[in-house]
C-alpha atoms as a PDB file:
ATOM      1  CA  MET A   1      16.554   7.389  14.364  1.00  0.00           C
ATOM      2  CA  PRO A   2      13.513  10.081  13.396  1.00  0.00           C
ATOM      3  CA  TYR A   3      11.268   8.228  15.976  1.00  0.00           C
ATOM      4  CA  VAL A   4      10.443   8.710  19.635  1.00  0.00           C
ATOM      5  CA  PHE A   5       8.854   5.781  21.319  1.00  0.00           C
ATOM      6  CA  VAL A   6       7.131   5.560  24.511  1.00  0.00           C
ATOM      7  CA  VAL A   7       7.067   2.280  26.176  1.00  0.00           C
ATOM      8  CA  ALA A   8       4.763   1.909  29.030  1.00  0.00           C
ATOM      9  CA  ALA A   9       6.352  -0.044  31.969  1.00  0.00           C
ATOM     10  CA  ILE A  10       5.377  -3.642  32.881  1.00  0.00           C
ATOM     11  CA  ALA A  11       2.848  -3.489  35.489  1.00  0.00           C
ATOM     12  CA  LEU A  12       2.601  -6.487  37.673  1.00  0.00           C
ATOM     13  CA  ILE A  13      -0.915  -7.274  38.777  1.00  0.00           C
ATOM     14  CA  SER A  14      -1.708  -9.399  41.685  1.00  0.00           C
ATOM     15  CA  THR A  15      -4.039 -11.995  41.068  1.00  0.00           C
ATOM     16  CA  GLN A  16      -4.209 -13.272  44.799  1.00  0.00           C
ATOM     17  CA  ALA A  17      -3.728 -11.619  48.107  1.00  0.00           C
ATOM     18  CA  GLY A  18      -0.776 -12.649  50.401  1.00  0.00           C
ATOM     19  CA  ALA A  19       2.464 -13.963  50.157  1.00  0.00           C
ATOM     20  CA  ASN A  20       1.748 -16.410  47.585  1.00  0.00           C
ATOM     21  CA  ALA A  21       0.366 -13.642  45.124  1.00  0.00           C
ATOM     22  CA  VAL A  22       0.824 -14.487  41.522  1.00  0.00           C
ATOM     23  CA  ALA A  23       2.021 -11.582  39.256  1.00  0.00           C
ATOM     24  CA  SER A  24       1.456 -11.455  35.445  1.00  0.00           C
ATOM     25  CA  PRO A  25       2.851  -8.944  32.971  1.00  0.00           C
ATOM     26  CA  ALA A  26       0.308  -6.176  31.833  1.00  0.00           C
ATOM     27  CA  LEU A  27       0.362  -5.219  28.065  1.00  0.00           C
ATOM     28  CA  ILE A  28       3.585  -3.471  26.854  1.00  0.00           C
ATOM     29  CA  LEU A  29       2.395  -0.518  24.574  1.00  0.00           C
ATOM     30  CA  THR A  30       4.703   1.046  22.193  1.00  0.00           C
ATOM     31  CA  MET A  31       3.588   4.042  20.252  1.00  0.00           C
ATOM     32  CA  PRO A  32       5.123   6.735  18.175  1.00  0.00           C
ATOM     33  CA  VAL A  33       4.797  10.086  19.597  1.00  0.00           C
ATOM     34  CA  ALA A  34       6.979  12.122  17.424  1.00  0.00           C
ATOM     35  CA  ALA A  35       8.061  11.718  13.584  1.00  0.00           C
ATOM     36  CA  GLN A  36      10.258  13.762  11.365  1.00  0.00           C
ATOM     37  CA  VAL A  37       9.020  14.307   7.698  1.00  0.00           C
ATOM     38  CA  ARG A  38      11.468  13.794   5.128  1.00  0.00           C
ATOM     39  CA  TRP A  39      10.855  16.200   2.225  1.00  0.00           C
ATOM     40  CA  ILE A  40      13.139  14.144  -0.134  1.00  0.00           C
ATOM     41  CA  ALA A  41      11.239  11.066  -1.409  1.00  0.00           C
ATOM     42  CA  PRO A  42      12.974   7.801  -0.765  1.00  0.00           C
ATOM     43  CA  PRO A  43      14.235   5.819  -3.718  1.00  0.00           C
ATOM     44  CA  PRO A  44      11.715   3.373  -5.043  1.00  0.00           C
ATOM     45  CA  PRO A  45      11.967  -0.057  -3.468  1.00  0.00           C
ATOM     46  CA  ARG A  46      14.527  -2.315  -4.827  1.00  0.00           C
ATOM     47  CA  ILE A  47      12.961  -5.596  -6.567  1.00  0.00           C
ATOM     48  CA  VAL A  48      14.488  -8.508  -4.611  1.00  0.00           C
ATOM     49  CA  VAL A  49      13.249 -11.929  -4.875  1.00  0.00           C
ATOM     50  CA  ALA A  50      12.256 -13.206  -1.559  1.00  0.00           C
ATOM     51  CA  PRO A  51      13.961 -16.580  -0.664  1.00  0.00           C
ATOM     52  CA  ALA A  52      11.927 -19.576  -0.043  1.00  0.00           C
ATOM     53  CA  PRO A  53       9.946 -19.835   2.940  1.00  0.00           C
ATOM     54  CA  ARG A  54      11.702 -21.321   5.991  1.00  0.00           C
ATOM     55  CA  ALA A  55       9.877 -23.019   8.923  1.00  0.00           C
ATOM     56  CA  GLY A  56       9.955 -21.047  12.117  1.00  0.00           C
ATOM     57  CA  TRP A  57      11.321 -17.693  10.287  1.00  0.00           C
ATOM     58  CA  VAL A  58      10.062 -14.628   8.646  1.00  0.00           C
ATOM     59  CA  TRP A  59      11.557 -12.811   5.925  1.00  0.00           C
ATOM     60  CA  SER A  60      12.056  -9.059   6.593  1.00  0.00           C
ATOM     61  CA  PRO A  61      12.481  -7.372   3.229  1.00  0.00           C
ATOM     62  CA  GLY A  62      14.907  -4.581   2.761  1.00  0.00           C
ATOM     63  CA  TYR A  63      14.184  -0.925   2.908  1.00  0.00           C
ATOM     64  CA  TRP A  64      15.649   2.541   2.401  1.00  0.00           C
ATOM     65  CA  ARG A  65      17.129   4.350   5.600  1.00  0.00           C
ATOM     66  CA  TRP A  66      17.480   7.950   5.918  1.00  0.00           C
ATOM     67  CA  THR A  67      21.193   8.798   7.387  1.00  0.00           C
ATOM     68  CA  GLY A  68      20.433  12.579   7.863  1.00  0.00           C
ATOM     69  CA  ARG A  69      21.914  13.407   4.480  1.00  0.00           C
ATOM     70  CA  GLU A  70      20.902  10.474   2.142  1.00  0.00           C
ATOM     71  CA  TYR A  71      19.214   7.404   1.896  1.00  0.00           C
ATOM     72  CA  PHE A  72      21.029   3.896   1.974  1.00  0.00           C
ATOM     73  CA  TRP A  73      19.772   0.381   1.500  1.00  0.00           C
ATOM     74  CA  VAL A  74      19.237  -1.958   4.329  1.00  0.00           C
ATOM     75  CA  ALA A  75      19.112  -5.523   3.063  1.00  0.00           C
ATOM     76  CA  GLY A  76      16.465  -7.969   4.102  1.00  0.00           C
ATOM     77  CA  ARG A  77      16.937 -10.719   6.545  1.00  0.00           C
ATOM     78  CA  TRP A  78      15.376 -13.705   8.268  1.00  0.00           C
ATOM     79  CA  LEU A  79      13.865 -13.355  11.618  1.00  0.00           C
ATOM     80  CA  PRO A  80      12.930 -15.800  14.082  1.00  0.00           C
ATOM     81  CA  GLU A  81       9.007 -16.135  14.090  1.00  0.00           C
ATOM     82  CA  ARG A  82       7.004 -15.069  16.834  1.00  0.00           C
ATOM     83  CA  ARG A  83       3.975 -17.394  17.641  1.00  0.00           C
ATOM     84  CA  GLY A  84       0.771 -15.237  18.078  1.00  0.00           C
ATOM     85  CA  TYR A  85       2.262 -12.326  16.154  1.00  0.00           C
ATOM     86  CA  GLY A  86       2.225 -11.007  12.641  1.00  0.00           C
ATOM     87  CA  TYR A  87       5.121  -8.957  11.300  1.00  0.00           C
ATOM     88  CA  VAL A  88       4.936  -5.681   9.522  1.00  0.00           C
ATOM     89  CA  PRO A  89       7.806  -4.700   7.704  1.00  0.00           C
ATOM     90  CA  ALA A  90       9.579  -1.380   7.760  1.00  0.00           C
ATOM     91  CA  HIS A  91       8.210   1.009   5.058  1.00  0.00           C
ATOM     92  CA  TRP A  92       7.773   4.756   4.069  1.00  0.00           C
ATOM     93  CA  GLU A  93       4.418   6.402   3.978  1.00  0.00           C
ATOM     94  CA  ARG A  94       3.482   9.785   2.224  1.00  0.00           C
ATOM     95  CA  ALA A  95       2.078  12.023   4.732  1.00  0.00           C
ATOM     96  CA  LEU A  96       1.994  15.901   5.787  1.00  0.00           C
ATOM     97  CA  GLY A  97       3.507  16.887   2.053  1.00  0.00           C
ATOM     98  CA  GLY A  98       6.604  14.480   2.734  1.00  0.00           C
ATOM     99  CA  TRP A  99       7.584  11.092   3.815  1.00  0.00           C
ATOM    100  CA  ILE A 100       7.330   9.387   7.134  1.00  0.00           C
ATOM    101  CA  PHE A 101       9.451   6.172   7.991  1.00  0.00           C
ATOM    102  CA  VAL A 102       7.385   3.271   9.833  1.00  0.00           C
ATOM    103  CA  PRO A 103       9.812   1.122  11.545  1.00  0.00           C
ATOM    104  CA  ALA A 104       9.234  -2.667  11.362  1.00  0.00           C
ATOM    105  CA  ARG A 105       7.011  -4.031  14.234  1.00  0.00           C
ATOM    106  CA  TRP A 106       5.185  -7.244  15.484  1.00  0.00           C
ATOM    107  CA  LEU A 107       1.493  -7.058  15.891  1.00  0.00           C
ATOM    108  CA  ARG A 108      -0.295  -9.369  18.113  1.00  0.00           C
ATOM    109  CA  ARG A 109      -3.018 -11.565  16.281  1.00  0.00           C
ATOM    110  CA  PRO A 110      -6.253 -11.721  17.696  1.00  0.00           C
ATOM    111  CA  LEU A 111      -7.162 -14.780  19.683  1.00  0.00           C
END
């Protein structure tokens, strides 16, 4: 995988003092800290007709993945919906004179 991610540890924050303290998880941060630029452009995305929507599920479209030698197609699939989050599919972005893979992720929706 051409990305390195730093995941912040879950901090437990005490909301009361004493033995009956209640702890709640703090925000978990995931952020790319390094990326490898691919000088060979990925093939054009395949045209695939997305299946009909299903309640409680999100369609994750397919994408091209780099193996270190070549690209291969990763087929789309259904993912269980995460309430309060929006899904951003994996994709390639042009940057730094080449291409950078952006992995799929869930983004918390504003309240």
